[in-house]
């Protein structure tokens, strides 16, 4: 009984302290940004289309093609990919081993894709792509939005991350984060 009484007194004391405090003011002030986001530059859209076309081939694969990695992936994404590859001891026997499909975000490729939006923020550009799966696929009727994030690095637009939004058959995921996770 003493224990319950002591707990009740402690709870009342902490409640009175919290009610007596003034609400905190927001520490982060919103300011208007002078330059609004514009569409991704033509060079970035060209880089995306060339990279996306490359991914649709089985060979050469981006995982082993270092020339393609240097052309289309930022240094940070290449490091993350290398870190992920190092976690596999026997790639041939593991269905989770990265491949071109990893960059598309689905082992069953969509039937169509559309660039639905793009924007640029300084040295970063985001290209939003809508995937659609047709009737003779494993995901008939599914639609999924995926954002390809590019950085201007060494004078060229290079892929830095891919963000897949949650859908009926997919969870929300960052490619860069997936590469950095330990198996």
N, C-alpha and C. Protein backbone atom coordinates (compact mmCIF):
# COMPACT_ATOMS: atom_id res chain seq x y z
N UNK A 1 0.83 -1.19 0.00
CA UNK A 1 0.00 0.00 0.00
C UNK A 1 0.87 1.25 0.00
N UNK A 2 1.96 1.22 0.80
CA UNK A 2 2.87 2.38 0.83
C UNK A 2 3.47 2.61 -0.55
N UNK A 3 3.75 1.48 -1.24
CA UNK A 3 4.36 1.57 -2.56
C UNK A 3 3.41 2.28 -3.54
N UNK A 4 2.15 1.92 -3.52
CA UNK A 4 1.17 2.54 -4.42
C UNK A 4 1.03 4.01 -4.10
N UNK A 5 1.01 4.34 -2.80
CA UNK A 5 0.89 5.74 -2.37
C UNK A 5 2.11 6.55 -2.84
N UNK A 6 3.31 5.96 -2.74
CA UNK A 6 4.53 6.66 -3.16
C UNK A 6 4.52 6.89 -4.67
N UNK A 7 4.07 5.91 -5.42
CA UNK A 7 4.01 6.06 -6.88
C UNK A 7 3.00 7.15 -7.25
N UNK A 8 1.87 7.17 -6.57
CA UNK A 8 0.85 8.19 -6.85
C UNK A 8 1.39 9.59 -6.57
N UNK A 9 2.13 9.77 -5.48
CA UNK A 9 2.71 11.08 -5.15
C UNK A 9 3.72 11.48 -6.22
N UNK A 10 4.55 10.55 -6.64
CA UNK A 10 5.53 10.85 -7.70
C UNK A 10 4.84 11.26 -8.99
N UNK A 11 3.77 10.57 -9.35
CA UNK A 11 3.05 10.90 -10.58
C UNK A 11 2.41 12.28 -10.49
N UNK A 12 1.81 12.59 -9.37
CA UNK A 12 1.19 13.91 -9.20
C UNK A 12 2.25 15.01 -9.24
N UNK A 13 3.39 14.75 -8.64
CA UNK A 13 4.47 15.74 -8.65
C UNK A 13 4.99 15.99 -10.06
N UNK A 14 5.16 14.93 -10.83
CA UNK A 14 5.67 15.12 -12.19
C UNK A 14 4.63 15.79 -13.08
N UNK A 15 3.35 15.51 -12.85
CA UNK A 15 2.29 16.15 -13.63
C UNK A 15 2.25 17.65 -13.34
N UNK A 16 2.41 18.02 -12.08
CA UNK A 16 2.36 19.44 -11.75
C UNK A 16 3.55 20.18 -12.35
N UNK A 17 4.71 19.51 -12.42
CA UNK A 17 5.87 20.14 -13.05
C UNK A 17 5.63 20.37 -14.54
N UNK A 18 5.04 19.38 -15.22
CA UNK A 18 4.84 19.52 -16.66
C UNK A 18 3.75 20.55 -16.97
N UNK A 19 2.72 20.66 -16.13
CA UNK A 19 1.68 21.66 -16.36
C UNK A 19 2.19 23.07 -16.08
N UNK A 20 3.15 23.19 -15.20
CA UNK A 20 3.67 24.50 -14.83
C UNK A 20 4.64 25.07 -15.85
N UNK A 21 5.11 24.26 -16.78
CA UNK A 21 6.08 24.74 -17.77
C UNK A 21 5.38 25.47 -18.90
N UNK A 22 6.04 26.48 -19.41
CA UNK A 22 5.53 27.21 -20.57
C UNK A 22 5.82 26.40 -21.83
N UNK A 23 4.95 26.46 -22.82
CA UNK A 23 5.24 25.73 -24.06
C UNK A 23 6.49 26.30 -24.72
N UNK A 24 7.31 25.41 -25.23
CA UNK A 24 8.55 25.83 -25.87
C UNK A 24 8.26 26.46 -27.22
N UNK A 25 9.00 27.50 -27.55
CA UNK A 25 8.87 28.13 -28.86
C UNK A 25 9.61 27.27 -29.87
N UNK A 26 9.14 27.32 -31.10
CA UNK A 26 9.81 26.57 -32.17
C UNK A 26 11.23 27.08 -32.32
N UNK A 27 12.18 26.15 -32.33
CA UNK A 27 13.59 26.53 -32.42
C UNK A 27 14.04 26.70 -33.87
N UNK A 28 13.30 26.15 -34.80
CA UNK A 28 13.68 26.23 -36.20
C UNK A 28 12.72 27.18 -36.90
N UNK A 29 13.25 28.26 -37.39
CA UNK A 29 12.42 29.25 -38.07
C UNK A 29 12.33 28.95 -39.56
N UNK A 30 11.14 29.10 -40.11
CA UNK A 30 10.96 28.91 -41.55
C UNK A 30 11.34 30.20 -42.26
N UNK A 31 12.14 30.06 -43.31
CA UNK A 31 12.51 31.22 -44.13
C UNK A 31 12.16 30.88 -45.58
N UNK A 32 11.87 31.90 -46.35
CA UNK A 32 11.56 31.71 -47.76
C UNK A 32 12.85 31.51 -48.54
N UNK A 33 12.87 30.49 -49.38
CA UNK A 33 14.04 30.20 -50.21
C UNK A 33 13.96 31.08 -51.44
N UNK A 34 15.07 31.75 -51.77
CA UNK A 34 15.06 32.72 -52.87
C UNK A 34 14.91 32.10 -54.25
N UNK A 35 15.49 30.95 -54.47
CA UNK A 35 15.39 30.36 -55.81
C UNK A 35 14.51 29.12 -55.76
N UNK A 36 13.33 29.19 -56.38
CA UNK A 36 12.44 28.03 -56.37
C UNK A 36 13.05 26.89 -57.17
N UNK A 37 12.60 25.70 -56.86
CA UNK A 37 13.09 24.52 -57.58
C UNK A 37 12.61 24.59 -59.02
N UNK A 38 13.49 24.26 -59.92
CA UNK A 38 13.13 24.17 -61.33
C UNK A 38 13.17 22.72 -61.76
N UNK A 39 12.85 22.47 -62.99
CA UNK A 39 12.91 21.11 -63.52
C UNK A 39 14.36 20.64 -63.57
N UNK A 40 14.55 19.34 -63.51
CA UNK A 40 15.91 18.78 -63.65
C UNK A 40 16.46 19.18 -65.01
N UNK A 41 17.75 19.47 -65.09
CA UNK A 41 18.32 19.86 -66.38
C UNK A 41 18.28 18.73 -67.40
N UNK A 42 18.28 19.10 -68.66
CA UNK A 42 18.22 18.14 -69.76
C UNK A 42 19.32 17.09 -69.63
N UNK A 43 20.54 17.50 -69.25
CA UNK A 43 21.66 16.57 -69.11
C UNK A 43 21.38 15.49 -68.06
N UNK A 44 20.68 15.87 -67.02
CA UNK A 44 20.33 14.91 -65.97
C UNK A 44 19.29 13.92 -66.48
N UNK A 45 18.31 14.41 -67.21
CA UNK A 45 17.29 13.51 -67.79
C UNK A 45 17.92 12.55 -68.80
N UNK A 46 18.88 13.04 -69.58
CA UNK A 46 19.59 12.18 -70.53
C UNK A 46 20.37 11.10 -69.77
N UNK A 47 21.06 11.50 -68.69
CA UNK A 47 21.81 10.54 -67.88
C UNK A 47 20.87 9.47 -67.31
N UNK A 48 19.70 9.90 -66.82
CA UNK A 48 18.72 8.94 -66.29
C UNK A 48 18.30 7.95 -67.38
N UNK A 49 17.92 8.47 -68.55
CA UNK A 49 17.42 7.59 -69.62
C UNK A 49 18.49 6.60 -70.08
N UNK A 50 19.72 7.06 -70.21
CA UNK A 50 20.81 6.17 -70.63
C UNK A 50 21.06 5.10 -69.57
N UNK A 51 21.07 5.52 -68.31
CA UNK A 51 21.28 4.57 -67.21
C UNK A 51 20.14 3.56 -67.15
N UNK A 52 18.91 4.03 -67.27
CA UNK A 52 17.75 3.16 -67.19
C UNK A 52 17.74 2.15 -68.34
N UNK A 53 18.14 2.59 -69.52
CA UNK A 53 18.23 1.70 -70.67
C UNK A 53 19.31 0.64 -70.42
N UNK A 54 20.44 1.07 -69.86
CA UNK A 54 21.53 0.15 -69.52
C UNK A 54 21.05 -0.93 -68.54
N UNK A 55 20.28 -0.54 -67.54
CA UNK A 55 19.80 -1.48 -66.53
C UNK A 55 18.90 -2.57 -67.09
N UNK A 56 18.25 -2.32 -68.21
CA UNK A 56 17.32 -3.28 -68.77
C UNK A 56 18.01 -4.42 -69.51
N UNK A 57 19.32 -4.34 -69.64
CA UNK A 57 20.10 -5.43 -70.23
C UNK A 57 20.57 -6.35 -69.12
N UNK A 58 20.72 -7.63 -69.43
CA UNK A 58 21.25 -8.56 -68.44
C UNK A 58 22.76 -8.40 -68.27
N UNK A 59 23.44 -8.22 -69.36
CA UNK A 59 24.89 -8.07 -69.32
C UNK A 59 25.29 -6.90 -70.20
N UNK A 60 26.23 -6.11 -69.85
CA UNK A 60 26.99 -6.23 -68.60
C UNK A 60 26.15 -5.72 -67.43
N UNK A 61 26.39 -6.27 -66.28
CA UNK A 61 25.68 -5.85 -65.08
C UNK A 61 26.40 -4.72 -64.38
N UNK A 62 25.65 -3.80 -63.84
CA UNK A 62 26.23 -2.63 -63.16
C UNK A 62 27.09 -3.05 -61.96
N UNK A 63 26.78 -4.20 -61.37
CA UNK A 63 27.51 -4.66 -60.19
C UNK A 63 28.98 -4.96 -60.50
N UNK A 64 29.24 -5.46 -61.69
CA UNK A 64 30.63 -5.81 -62.06
C UNK A 64 31.26 -4.82 -63.04
N UNK A 65 30.47 -3.98 -63.66
CA UNK A 65 30.95 -3.06 -64.68
C UNK A 65 31.43 -1.75 -64.03
N UNK A 66 32.71 -1.71 -63.68
CA UNK A 66 33.26 -0.54 -62.99
C UNK A 66 33.22 0.72 -63.85
N UNK A 67 33.34 0.58 -65.16
CA UNK A 67 33.26 1.75 -66.05
C UNK A 67 31.87 2.37 -65.95
N UNK A 68 30.84 1.54 -65.98
CA UNK A 68 29.47 2.02 -65.86
C UNK A 68 29.22 2.63 -64.47
N UNK A 69 29.78 2.00 -63.44
CA UNK A 69 29.63 2.55 -62.09
C UNK A 69 30.21 3.96 -62.01
N UNK A 70 31.41 4.14 -62.55
CA UNK A 70 32.04 5.46 -62.51
C UNK A 70 31.29 6.48 -63.35
N UNK A 71 30.67 6.02 -64.42
CA UNK A 71 29.92 6.93 -65.29
C UNK A 71 28.62 7.37 -64.65
N UNK A 72 27.89 6.46 -64.01
CA UNK A 72 26.53 6.76 -63.57
C UNK A 72 26.31 6.83 -62.07
N UNK A 73 27.22 6.34 -61.24
CA UNK A 73 27.00 6.33 -59.79
C UNK A 73 27.94 7.29 -59.09
N UNK A 74 27.44 7.99 -58.07
CA UNK A 74 28.31 8.87 -57.29
C UNK A 74 29.32 8.03 -56.53
N UNK A 75 30.36 8.67 -56.08
CA UNK A 75 31.38 7.98 -55.30
C UNK A 75 30.76 7.34 -54.05
N UNK A 76 29.85 8.05 -53.40
CA UNK A 76 29.21 7.51 -52.19
C UNK A 76 28.37 6.27 -52.49
N UNK A 77 27.64 6.29 -53.60
CA UNK A 77 26.83 5.12 -53.94
C UNK A 77 27.72 3.94 -54.34
N UNK A 78 28.82 4.22 -55.00
CA UNK A 78 29.77 3.14 -55.34
C UNK A 78 30.34 2.52 -54.06
N UNK A 79 30.66 3.34 -53.08
CA UNK A 79 31.17 2.82 -51.80
C UNK A 79 30.12 1.96 -51.11
N UNK A 80 28.87 2.43 -51.11
CA UNK A 80 27.79 1.67 -50.47
C UNK A 80 27.57 0.34 -51.18
N UNK A 81 27.62 0.35 -52.51
CA UNK A 81 27.48 -0.89 -53.28
C UNK A 81 28.61 -1.86 -52.94
N UNK A 82 29.83 -1.37 -52.88
CA UNK A 82 30.97 -2.22 -52.54
C UNK A 82 30.80 -2.80 -51.13
N UNK A 83 30.30 -2.00 -50.22
CA UNK A 83 30.07 -2.46 -48.85
C UNK A 83 29.03 -3.59 -48.84
N UNK A 84 27.97 -3.45 -49.64
CA UNK A 84 26.94 -4.49 -49.71
C UNK A 84 27.50 -5.77 -50.33
N UNK A 85 28.26 -5.62 -51.41
CA UNK A 85 28.82 -6.79 -52.08
C UNK A 85 29.73 -7.59 -51.16
N UNK A 86 30.43 -6.88 -50.27
CA UNK A 86 31.35 -7.54 -49.33
C UNK A 86 30.62 -8.42 -48.32
N UNK A 87 29.32 -8.25 -48.17
CA UNK A 87 28.57 -9.06 -47.20
C UNK A 87 28.17 -10.42 -47.76
N UNK A 88 28.39 -10.64 -49.04
CA UNK A 88 28.01 -11.91 -49.67
C UNK A 88 29.22 -12.80 -49.83
N UNK A 89 29.08 -14.04 -49.40
CA UNK A 89 30.19 -14.98 -49.57
C UNK A 89 30.05 -15.79 -50.85
N UNK A 90 28.81 -16.08 -51.23
CA UNK A 90 28.57 -16.88 -52.43
C UNK A 90 27.44 -16.24 -53.24
N UNK A 91 27.78 -15.26 -54.08
CA UNK A 91 26.74 -14.52 -54.79
C UNK A 91 25.85 -15.37 -55.70
N UNK A 92 26.39 -16.38 -56.32
CA UNK A 92 25.60 -17.19 -57.25
C UNK A 92 24.45 -17.91 -56.56
N UNK A 93 24.61 -18.21 -55.29
CA UNK A 93 23.58 -18.96 -54.56
C UNK A 93 22.62 -18.07 -53.78
N UNK A 94 22.77 -16.76 -53.89
CA UNK A 94 21.96 -15.87 -53.07
C UNK A 94 21.06 -15.00 -53.95
N UNK A 95 19.73 -15.15 -53.86
CA UNK A 95 18.83 -14.36 -54.69
C UNK A 95 18.83 -12.86 -54.34
N UNK A 96 19.36 -12.51 -53.17
CA UNK A 96 19.43 -11.10 -52.76
C UNK A 96 20.68 -10.40 -53.25
N UNK A 97 21.55 -11.12 -53.94
CA UNK A 97 22.77 -10.50 -54.46
C UNK A 97 22.38 -9.39 -55.44
N UNK A 98 22.95 -8.18 -55.28
CA UNK A 98 22.57 -7.05 -56.14
C UNK A 98 22.77 -7.34 -57.63
N UNK A 99 21.89 -6.75 -58.43
CA UNK A 99 21.94 -6.89 -59.89
C UNK A 99 21.33 -5.63 -60.49
N UNK A 100 21.17 -5.61 -61.79
CA UNK A 100 20.51 -4.48 -62.43
C UNK A 100 19.09 -4.29 -61.89
N UNK A 101 18.42 -5.39 -61.59
CA UNK A 101 17.06 -5.33 -61.05
C UNK A 101 17.01 -4.60 -59.71
N UNK A 102 18.08 -4.66 -58.94
CA UNK A 102 18.14 -3.96 -57.66
C UNK A 102 17.99 -2.46 -57.87
N UNK A 103 18.56 -1.96 -58.96
CA UNK A 103 18.49 -0.52 -59.25
C UNK A 103 17.13 -0.13 -59.82
N UNK A 104 16.45 -1.06 -60.45
CA UNK A 104 15.10 -0.78 -60.94
C UNK A 104 14.12 -0.89 -59.78
N UNK A 105 14.44 -1.73 -58.82
CA UNK A 105 13.61 -1.85 -57.62
C UNK A 105 12.61 -2.99 -57.68
N UNK A 106 12.77 -3.88 -58.66
CA UNK A 106 11.85 -5.00 -58.78
C UNK A 106 12.49 -6.10 -59.62
N UNK A 107 12.38 -7.33 -59.17
CA UNK A 107 12.91 -8.44 -59.96
C UNK A 107 12.03 -8.71 -61.17
N UNK A 108 10.74 -8.39 -61.05
CA UNK A 108 9.81 -8.49 -62.18
C UNK A 108 9.65 -7.08 -62.75
N UNK A 109 10.33 -6.83 -63.85
CA UNK A 109 10.36 -5.46 -64.39
C UNK A 109 8.96 -4.96 -64.74
N UNK A 110 8.72 -3.66 -64.53
CA UNK A 110 7.43 -3.10 -64.92
C UNK A 110 7.25 -3.16 -66.43
N UNK A 111 6.01 -3.10 -66.86
CA UNK A 111 5.69 -3.12 -68.28
C UNK A 111 6.04 -1.76 -68.91
N UNK A 112 5.72 -0.68 -68.17
CA UNK A 112 6.00 0.67 -68.67
C UNK A 112 6.54 1.54 -67.53
N UNK A 113 7.15 2.64 -67.94
CA UNK A 113 7.54 3.67 -66.97
C UNK A 113 7.30 5.03 -67.60
N UNK A 114 7.05 6.01 -66.74
CA UNK A 114 6.87 7.39 -67.19
C UNK A 114 7.60 8.31 -66.24
N UNK A 115 8.28 9.31 -66.80
CA UNK A 115 8.84 10.36 -65.95
C UNK A 115 7.68 11.31 -65.66
N UNK A 116 7.26 11.36 -64.40
CA UNK A 116 6.08 12.15 -64.04
C UNK A 116 6.43 13.53 -63.49
N UNK A 117 7.66 13.70 -63.03
CA UNK A 117 8.09 15.00 -62.52
C UNK A 117 9.60 15.00 -62.37
N UNK A 118 10.15 16.19 -62.33
CA UNK A 118 11.58 16.34 -62.03
C UNK A 118 11.78 17.71 -61.42
N UNK A 119 12.81 17.82 -60.62
CA UNK A 119 13.13 19.11 -60.00
C UNK A 119 14.61 19.16 -59.68
N UNK A 120 15.10 20.37 -59.56
CA UNK A 120 16.50 20.58 -59.25
C UNK A 120 16.63 21.51 -58.06
N UNK A 121 17.53 21.15 -57.17
CA UNK A 121 17.88 21.96 -56.02
C UNK A 121 19.40 22.08 -56.02
N UNK A 122 19.92 23.12 -56.62
CA UNK A 122 21.36 23.30 -56.67
C UNK A 122 22.03 22.16 -57.40
N UNK A 123 22.89 21.42 -56.70
CA UNK A 123 23.63 20.30 -57.31
C UNK A 123 22.89 18.97 -57.19
N UNK A 124 21.65 19.02 -56.77
CA UNK A 124 20.84 17.80 -56.61
C UNK A 124 19.63 17.90 -57.54
N UNK A 125 19.29 16.79 -58.17
CA UNK A 125 18.10 16.73 -59.01
C UNK A 125 17.35 15.44 -58.67
N UNK A 126 16.04 15.51 -58.72
CA UNK A 126 15.19 14.36 -58.42
C UNK A 126 14.30 14.11 -59.63
N UNK A 127 14.28 12.87 -60.07
CA UNK A 127 13.43 12.46 -61.19
C UNK A 127 12.45 11.42 -60.66
N UNK A 128 11.16 11.76 -60.71
CA UNK A 128 10.11 10.86 -60.24
C UNK A 128 9.60 10.03 -61.40
N UNK A 129 9.61 8.71 -61.20
CA UNK A 129 9.22 7.78 -62.24
C UNK A 129 8.04 6.94 -61.74
N UNK A 130 7.05 6.80 -62.60
CA UNK A 130 5.90 5.96 -62.28
C UNK A 130 6.02 4.66 -63.08
N UNK A 131 6.12 3.55 -62.35
CA UNK A 131 6.15 2.22 -62.96
C UNK A 131 4.72 1.69 -63.02
N UNK A 132 4.41 0.95 -64.09
CA UNK A 132 3.13 0.25 -64.18
C UNK A 132 3.38 -1.17 -64.68
N UNK A 133 2.68 -2.11 -64.05
CA UNK A 133 2.79 -3.51 -64.42
C UNK A 133 1.52 -3.94 -65.16
N UNK A 134 1.71 -4.63 -66.26
CA UNK A 134 0.59 -5.09 -67.08
C UNK A 134 0.01 -6.41 -66.58
N UNK A 135 -0.97 -6.94 -67.32
CA UNK A 135 -1.70 -8.14 -66.88
C UNK A 135 -0.87 -9.41 -66.85
N UNK A 136 0.15 -9.53 -67.67
CA UNK A 136 0.92 -10.78 -67.71
C UNK A 136 2.22 -10.67 -66.91
N UNK A 137 2.13 -10.05 -65.73
CA UNK A 137 3.27 -9.91 -64.84
C UNK A 137 2.90 -10.47 -63.47
N UNK A 138 3.86 -10.47 -62.57
CA UNK A 138 3.57 -10.92 -61.20
C UNK A 138 2.83 -9.87 -60.38
N UNK A 139 2.76 -8.65 -60.88
CA UNK A 139 2.09 -7.56 -60.16
C UNK A 139 1.04 -6.89 -61.05
N UNK A 140 0.09 -7.62 -61.62
CA UNK A 140 -0.85 -7.03 -62.57
C UNK A 140 -1.61 -5.85 -61.98
N UNK A 141 -1.57 -4.74 -62.72
CA UNK A 141 -2.29 -3.55 -62.29
C UNK A 141 -1.57 -2.69 -61.27
N UNK A 142 -0.43 -3.13 -60.79
CA UNK A 142 0.28 -2.35 -59.77
C UNK A 142 0.92 -1.11 -60.40
N UNK A 143 0.95 -0.05 -59.61
CA UNK A 143 1.65 1.18 -59.97
C UNK A 143 2.53 1.56 -58.79
N UNK A 144 3.72 2.06 -59.09
CA UNK A 144 4.66 2.41 -58.03
C UNK A 144 5.47 3.62 -58.45
N UNK A 145 5.62 4.56 -57.54
CA UNK A 145 6.44 5.74 -57.80
C UNK A 145 7.82 5.52 -57.19
N UNK A 146 8.82 5.84 -57.97
CA UNK A 146 10.20 5.72 -57.54
C UNK A 146 10.92 7.02 -57.88
N UNK A 147 11.69 7.55 -56.93
CA UNK A 147 12.45 8.78 -57.16
C UNK A 147 13.92 8.46 -57.32
N UNK A 148 14.49 8.89 -58.42
CA UNK A 148 15.92 8.74 -58.69
C UNK A 148 16.59 10.06 -58.33
N UNK A 149 17.53 10.03 -57.39
CA UNK A 149 18.19 11.24 -56.89
C UNK A 149 19.58 11.31 -57.51
N UNK A 150 19.83 12.38 -58.24
CA UNK A 150 21.11 12.59 -58.91
C UNK A 150 21.86 13.74 -58.26
N UNK A 151 23.18 13.66 -58.27
CA UNK A 151 24.05 14.75 -57.82
C UNK A 151 24.97 15.14 -58.98
N UNK A 152 25.27 16.42 -59.04
CA UNK A 152 26.25 16.88 -60.02
C UNK A 152 27.62 16.66 -59.39
N UNK A 153 28.35 15.68 -59.92
CA UNK A 153 29.64 15.29 -59.36
C UNK A 153 30.66 15.19 -60.49
N UNK A 154 31.78 15.84 -60.35
CA UNK A 154 32.83 15.83 -61.37
C UNK A 154 32.30 16.28 -62.73
N UNK A 155 31.37 17.24 -62.72
CA UNK A 155 30.84 17.80 -63.95
C UNK A 155 29.79 16.96 -64.65
N UNK A 156 29.33 15.87 -64.02
CA UNK A 156 28.32 15.00 -64.63
C UNK A 156 27.23 14.68 -63.61
N UNK A 157 26.02 14.44 -64.11
CA UNK A 157 24.92 14.04 -63.24
C UNK A 157 25.03 12.54 -62.98
N UNK A 158 25.15 12.19 -61.69
CA UNK A 158 25.32 10.78 -61.31
C UNK A 158 24.29 10.40 -60.26
N UNK A 159 23.87 9.15 -60.32
CA UNK A 159 22.88 8.64 -59.38
C UNK A 159 23.47 8.55 -57.98
N UNK A 160 22.76 9.11 -57.00
CA UNK A 160 23.21 9.07 -55.61
C UNK A 160 22.32 8.18 -54.74
N UNK A 161 21.06 8.03 -55.14
CA UNK A 161 20.15 7.20 -54.37
C UNK A 161 18.89 6.96 -55.20
N UNK A 162 18.15 5.96 -54.82
CA UNK A 162 16.84 5.68 -55.40
C UNK A 162 15.91 5.45 -54.22
N UNK A 163 14.80 6.16 -54.22
CA UNK A 163 13.82 5.98 -53.16
C UNK A 163 12.56 5.36 -53.75
N UNK A 164 12.20 4.20 -53.26
CA UNK A 164 10.99 3.52 -53.69
C UNK A 164 9.90 3.78 -52.66
N UNK A 165 8.78 4.29 -53.12
CA UNK A 165 7.65 4.53 -52.23
C UNK A 165 6.91 3.23 -51.99
N UNK A 166 6.29 3.13 -50.84
CA UNK A 166 5.56 1.93 -50.47
C UNK A 166 4.42 1.71 -51.46
N UNK A 167 4.22 0.45 -51.82
CA UNK A 167 3.13 0.08 -52.71
C UNK A 167 2.54 -1.23 -52.26
N UNK A 168 1.63 -1.75 -53.04
CA UNK A 168 0.96 -3.00 -52.66
C UNK A 168 1.95 -4.15 -52.52
N UNK A 169 2.99 -4.17 -53.38
CA UNK A 169 3.94 -5.27 -53.38
C UNK A 169 5.35 -4.86 -52.97
N UNK A 170 5.51 -3.65 -52.48
CA UNK A 170 6.86 -3.17 -52.13
C UNK A 170 6.80 -2.31 -50.87
N UNK A 171 7.88 -2.37 -50.14
CA UNK A 171 8.00 -1.50 -48.97
C UNK A 171 8.79 -0.25 -49.36
N UNK A 172 8.63 0.81 -48.61
CA UNK A 172 9.41 2.02 -48.86
C UNK A 172 10.87 1.71 -48.56
N UNK A 173 11.74 2.20 -49.44
CA UNK A 173 13.15 1.85 -49.25
C UNK A 173 14.06 2.82 -49.99
N UNK A 174 15.20 3.07 -49.38
CA UNK A 174 16.28 3.83 -50.01
C UNK A 174 17.34 2.82 -50.46
N UNK A 175 17.76 2.91 -51.71
CA UNK A 175 18.78 1.99 -52.22
C UNK A 175 20.09 2.15 -51.46
N UNK A 176 20.50 3.40 -51.22
CA UNK A 176 21.74 3.66 -50.50
C UNK A 176 21.69 3.05 -49.10
N UNK A 177 20.57 3.20 -48.44
CA UNK A 177 20.42 2.63 -47.09
C UNK A 177 20.47 1.11 -47.15
N UNK A 178 19.78 0.52 -48.13
CA UNK A 178 19.79 -0.93 -48.29
C UNK A 178 21.23 -1.43 -48.49
N UNK A 179 22.00 -0.75 -49.30
CA UNK A 179 23.39 -1.16 -49.53
C UNK A 179 24.21 -1.09 -48.25
N UNK A 180 23.93 -0.15 -47.37
CA UNK A 180 24.73 0.04 -46.16
C UNK A 180 24.30 -0.88 -45.00
N UNK A 181 23.13 -1.52 -45.13
CA UNK A 181 22.69 -2.43 -44.09
C UNK A 181 23.55 -3.70 -44.09
N UNK A 182 23.80 -4.19 -42.92
CA UNK A 182 24.56 -5.43 -42.76
C UNK A 182 23.62 -6.61 -42.95
N UNK A 183 24.12 -7.66 -43.54
CA UNK A 183 23.30 -8.89 -43.73
C UNK A 183 23.17 -9.61 -42.44
